[in-house]
Amino acid sequence: MILLDTSVLSAAFRRRHAGRAPVPPEVAALRRILAAETPVMMPGVVLQEVLSGIRRDARKVELRDNLEGIPVLLAARQDHEAAADIMTKCAAGGVAATAVDCLIAAQCIAVHAELLTLDLDFSRIATRCDLRLHRL
């Protein structure tokens, strides 16, 4: 199972990639994963982040349609508690981490998934917990 982070989805669905050759590596990786029918999900907070700030209704509808086939992983109480523990471990180890990133990491760990991300903050978070990253 692979969890998709905001950074990958944002890069994959940017309009400026349409018709562009060569395809950016993150877009190619996501296409390969989806074509191979590898199980993927996105945390609910990632869906929220991807859809945030889009001003044009038509673009938001298009993006929602593109994301429709990707199941959403909702956070449970234990995910929030685990995220708090990860954040504490990060802080104790001198690693700056946001609450949202720690929640994504906690959800990823809980479902035994790898995280596909372009965000280097997760590499630092992974040094403080059992987060596994999917390499492009």
C-alpha atoms as a PDB file:
ATOM      1  CA  MET A   1       0.000   0.000   0.000  1.00  0.00           C
ATOM      2  CA  ILE A   2       1.190   3.495  -0.839  1.00  0.00           C
ATOM      3  CA  LEU A   3      -0.152   6.671   0.741  1.00  0.00           C
ATOM      4  CA  LEU A   4      -0.006   9.744  -1.446  1.00  0.00           C
ATOM      5  CA  ASP A   5       1.138  13.059  -0.020  1.00  0.00           C
ATOM      6  CA  THR A   6      -0.056  16.496  -1.046  1.00  0.00           C
ATOM      7  CA  SER A   7       3.231  17.336  -2.743  1.00  0.00           C
ATOM      8  CA  VAL A   8       2.952  14.442  -5.209  1.00  0.00           C
ATOM      9  CA  LEU A   9      -0.698  15.037  -6.041  1.00  0.00           C
ATOM     10  CA  SER A  10      -0.157  18.775  -6.452  1.00  0.00           C
ATOM     11  CA  ALA A  11       2.752  18.139  -8.810  1.00  0.00           C
ATOM     12  CA  ALA A  12       0.828  15.509 -10.764  1.00  0.00           C
ATOM     13  CA  PHE A  13      -2.244  17.641 -11.337  1.00  0.00           C
ATOM     14  CA  ARG A  14      -0.618  20.990 -12.103  1.00  0.00           C
ATOM     15  CA  ARG A  15      -2.029  22.362 -15.333  1.00  0.00           C
ATOM     16  CA  ARG A  16       1.384  23.350 -16.670  1.00  0.00           C
ATOM     17  CA  HIS A  17       2.292  19.650 -17.051  1.00  0.00           C
ATOM     18  CA  ALA A  18      -0.420  19.078 -19.632  1.00  0.00           C
ATOM     19  CA  GLY A  19       1.186  18.003 -22.886  1.00  0.00           C
ATOM     20  CA  ARG A  20       4.673  18.593 -21.520  1.00  0.00           C
ATOM     21  CA  ALA A  21       7.512  16.306 -22.518  1.00  0.00           C
ATOM     22  CA  PRO A  22       9.353  14.903 -20.752  1.00  0.00           C
ATOM     23  CA  VAL A  23       6.929  14.140 -17.973  1.00  0.00           C
ATOM     24  CA  PRO A  24       8.213  15.223 -14.532  1.00  0.00           C
ATOM     25  CA  PRO A  25       9.510  12.219 -12.512  1.00  0.00           C
ATOM     26  CA  GLU A  26       6.884  12.521  -9.788  1.00  0.00           C
ATOM     27  CA  VAL A  27       4.105  12.441 -12.380  1.00  0.00           C
ATOM     28  CA  ALA A  28       5.680   9.445 -14.124  1.00  0.00           C
ATOM     29  CA  ALA A  29       6.040   7.609 -10.789  1.00  0.00           C
ATOM     30  CA  LEU A  30       2.414   8.204  -9.860  1.00  0.00           C
ATOM     31  CA  ARG A  31       1.274   7.039 -13.314  1.00  0.00           C
ATOM     32  CA  ARG A  32       3.361   3.840 -12.971  1.00  0.00           C
ATOM     33  CA  ILE A  33       1.919   3.131  -9.533  1.00  0.00           C
ATOM     34  CA  LEU A  34      -1.646   3.647 -10.732  1.00  0.00           C
ATOM     35  CA  ALA A  35      -1.083   1.638 -13.935  1.00  0.00           C
ATOM     36  CA  ALA A  36       0.350  -1.261 -11.917  1.00  0.00           C
ATOM     37  CA  GLU A  37      -2.817  -1.199  -9.824  1.00  0.00           C
ATOM     38  CA  THR A  38      -0.741  -0.835  -6.667  1.00  0.00           C
ATOM     39  CA  PRO A  39      -3.128  -0.122  -3.785  1.00  0.00           C
ATOM     40  CA  VAL A  40      -3.050   3.611  -3.003  1.00  0.00           C
ATOM     41  CA  MET A  41      -4.875   5.894  -0.618  1.00  0.00           C
ATOM     42  CA  MET A  42      -4.635   9.486   0.453  1.00  0.00           C
ATOM     43  CA  PRO A  43      -5.157  10.763   3.973  1.00  0.00           C
ATOM     44  CA  GLY A  44      -8.251  12.943   4.311  1.00  0.00           C
ATOM     45  CA  VAL A  45      -6.096  15.909   5.269  1.00  0.00           C
ATOM     46  CA  VAL A  46      -4.197  15.502   1.968  1.00  0.00           C
ATOM     47  CA  LEU A  47      -7.461  15.724   0.018  1.00  0.00           C
ATOM     48  CA  GLN A  48      -8.273  18.872   1.976  1.00  0.00           C
ATOM     49  CA  GLU A  49      -4.850  20.397   1.263  1.00  0.00           C
ATOM     50  CA  VAL A  50      -4.991  19.597  -2.463  1.00  0.00           C
ATOM     51  CA  LEU A  51      -8.420  21.193  -2.860  1.00  0.00           C
ATOM     52  CA  SER A  52      -7.623  24.237  -0.705  1.00  0.00           C
ATOM     53  CA  GLY A  53      -7.100  27.567  -2.373  1.00  0.00           C
ATOM     54  CA  ILE A  54      -8.537  26.685  -5.773  1.00  0.00           C
ATOM     55  CA  ARG A  55     -10.566  29.712  -6.770  1.00  0.00           C
ATOM     56  CA  ARG A  56     -12.139  28.563 -10.020  1.00  0.00           C
ATOM     57  CA  ASP A  57     -15.096  26.225  -9.537  1.00  0.00           C
ATOM     58  CA  ALA A  58     -14.463  24.470 -12.852  1.00  0.00           C
ATOM     59  CA  ARG A  59     -10.886  23.651 -11.832  1.00  0.00           C
ATOM     60  CA  LYS A  60     -12.024  22.381  -8.420  1.00  0.00           C
ATOM     61  CA  VAL A  61     -14.606  20.107 -10.067  1.00  0.00           C
ATOM     62  CA  GLU A  62     -11.988  18.818 -12.510  1.00  0.00           C
ATOM     63  CA  LEU A  63      -9.557  18.096  -9.677  1.00  0.00           C
ATOM     64  CA  ARG A  64     -12.233  16.360  -7.596  1.00  0.00           C
ATOM     65  CA  ASP A  65     -13.072  14.185 -10.604  1.00  0.00           C
ATOM     66  CA  ASN A  66      -9.397  13.270 -11.069  1.00  0.00           C
ATOM     67  CA  LEU A  67      -9.060  12.322  -7.402  1.00  0.00           C
ATOM     68  CA  GLU A  68     -12.373  10.444  -7.215  1.00  0.00           C
ATOM     69  CA  GLY A  69     -10.812   7.006  -7.748  1.00  0.00           C
ATOM     70  CA  ILE A  70      -8.288   7.380  -4.927  1.00  0.00           C
ATOM     71  CA  PRO A  71      -9.693   6.118  -1.622  1.00  0.00           C
ATOM     72  CA  VAL A  72      -9.478   8.468   1.349  1.00  0.00           C
ATOM     73  CA  LEU A  73      -8.013   7.286   4.651  1.00  0.00           C
ATOM     74  CA  LEU A  74      -9.752   9.051   7.514  1.00  0.00           C
ATOM     75  CA  ALA A  75      -7.886   9.639  10.753  1.00  0.00           C
ATOM     76  CA  ALA A  76      -9.071   7.916  13.904  1.00  0.00           C
ATOM     77  CA  ARG A  77      -8.431   8.963  17.489  1.00  0.00           C
ATOM     78  CA  GLN A  78      -5.424   6.638  17.756  1.00  0.00           C
ATOM     79  CA  ASP A  79      -3.899   8.252  14.651  1.00  0.00           C
ATOM     80  CA  HIS A  80      -4.057  11.657  16.331  1.00  0.00           C
ATOM     81  CA  GLU A  81      -2.535  10.225  19.499  1.00  0.00           C
ATOM     82  CA  ALA A  82       0.254   8.579  17.492  1.00  0.00           C
ATOM     83  CA  ALA A  83       0.824  11.851  15.622  1.00  0.00           C
ATOM     84  CA  ALA A  84       1.270  13.652  18.935  1.00  0.00           C
ATOM     85  CA  ASP A  85       3.851  11.034  19.964  1.00  0.00           C
ATOM     86  CA  ILE A  86       5.698  11.448  16.660  1.00  0.00           C
ATOM     87  CA  MET A  87       5.724  15.215  17.073  1.00  0.00           C
ATOM     88  CA  THR A  88       7.127  14.862  20.589  1.00  0.00           C
ATOM     89  CA  LYS A  89       9.867  12.485  19.368  1.00  0.00           C
ATOM     90  CA  CYS A  90      10.707  14.867  16.528  1.00  0.00           C
ATOM     91  CA  ALA A  91      10.959  17.835  18.868  1.00  0.00           C
ATOM     92  CA  ALA A  92      13.127  15.869  21.302  1.00  0.00           C
ATOM     93  CA  GLY A  93      15.429  14.948  18.425  1.00  0.00           C
ATOM     94  CA  GLY A  94      15.667  18.481  17.067  1.00  0.00           C
ATOM     95  CA  VAL A  95      13.457  17.765  14.043  1.00  0.00           C
ATOM     96  CA  ALA A  96      10.901  20.428  13.155  1.00  0.00           C
ATOM     97  CA  ALA A  97       7.610  18.844  12.111  1.00  0.00           C
ATOM     98  CA  THR A  98       4.091  20.146  11.612  1.00  0.00           C
ATOM     99  CA  ALA A  99       1.052  18.560  13.215  1.00  0.00           C
ATOM    100  CA  VAL A 100      -0.366  17.737   9.768  1.00  0.00           C
ATOM    101  CA  ASP A 101       2.838  16.013   8.624  1.00  0.00           C
ATOM    102  CA  CYS A 102       2.949  14.006  11.859  1.00  0.00           C
ATOM    103  CA  LEU A 103      -0.677  12.951  11.307  1.00  0.00           C
ATOM    104  CA  ILE A 104       0.117  11.803   7.759  1.00  0.00           C
ATOM    105  CA  ALA A 105       3.121   9.867   9.095  1.00  0.00           C
ATOM    106  CA  ALA A 106       1.024   8.269  11.850  1.00  0.00           C
ATOM    107  CA  GLN A 107      -1.654   7.173   9.398  1.00  0.00           C
ATOM    108  CA  CYS A 108       0.964   5.747   7.073  1.00  0.00           C
ATOM    109  CA  ILE A 109       2.540   3.741   9.892  1.00  0.00           C
ATOM    110  CA  ALA A 110      -0.865   2.526  11.122  1.00  0.00           C
ATOM    111  CA  VAL A 111      -1.779   0.945   7.776  1.00  0.00           C
ATOM    112  CA  HIS A 112       1.764  -0.368   7.126  1.00  0.00           C
ATOM    113  CA  ALA A 113       2.095   1.747   3.989  1.00  0.00           C
ATOM    114  CA  GLU A 114       4.894   3.637   2.316  1.00  0.00           C
ATOM    115  CA  LEU A 115       4.509   7.369   1.798  1.00  0.00           C
ATOM    116  CA  LEU A 116       5.040   8.778  -1.691  1.00  0.00           C
ATOM    117  CA  THR A 117       6.113  12.383  -1.169  1.00  0.00           C
ATOM    118  CA  LEU A 118       8.354  15.077  -2.557  1.00  0.00           C
ATOM    119  CA  ASP A 119       8.484  16.836   0.819  1.00  0.00           C
ATOM    120  CA  LEU A 120      11.933  16.436   2.381  1.00  0.00           C
ATOM    121  CA  ASP A 121      10.471  17.098   5.837  1.00  0.00           C
ATOM    122  CA  PHE A 122       9.224  13.511   5.831  1.00  0.00           C
ATOM    123  CA  SER A 123      12.793  12.218   5.461  1.00  0.00           C
ATOM    124  CA  ARG A 124      13.630  13.957   8.713  1.00  0.00           C
ATOM    125  CA  ILE A 125      10.444  12.749  10.417  1.00  0.00           C
ATOM    126  CA  ALA A 126      11.291   9.176   9.357  1.00  0.00           C
ATOM    127  CA  THR A 127      14.468   9.347  11.450  1.00  0.00           C
ATOM    128  CA  ARG A 128      12.324   9.688  14.581  1.00  0.00           C
ATOM    129  CA  CYS A 129       9.657   7.012  13.893  1.00  0.00           C
ATOM    130  CA  ASP A 130       8.839   3.951  11.762  1.00  0.00           C
ATOM    131  CA  LEU A 131       7.703   5.935   8.713  1.00  0.00           C
ATOM    132  CA  ARG A 132       8.648   4.227   5.444  1.00  0.00           C
ATOM    133  CA  LEU A 133       9.102   6.368   2.352  1.00  0.00           C
ATOM    134  CA  HIS A 134       8.461   5.210  -1.201  1.00  0.00           C
ATOM    135  CA  ARG A 135      11.414   6.245  -3.346  1.00  0.00           C
ATOM    136  CA  LEU A 136      10.801   7.670  -6.795  1.00  0.00           C
END
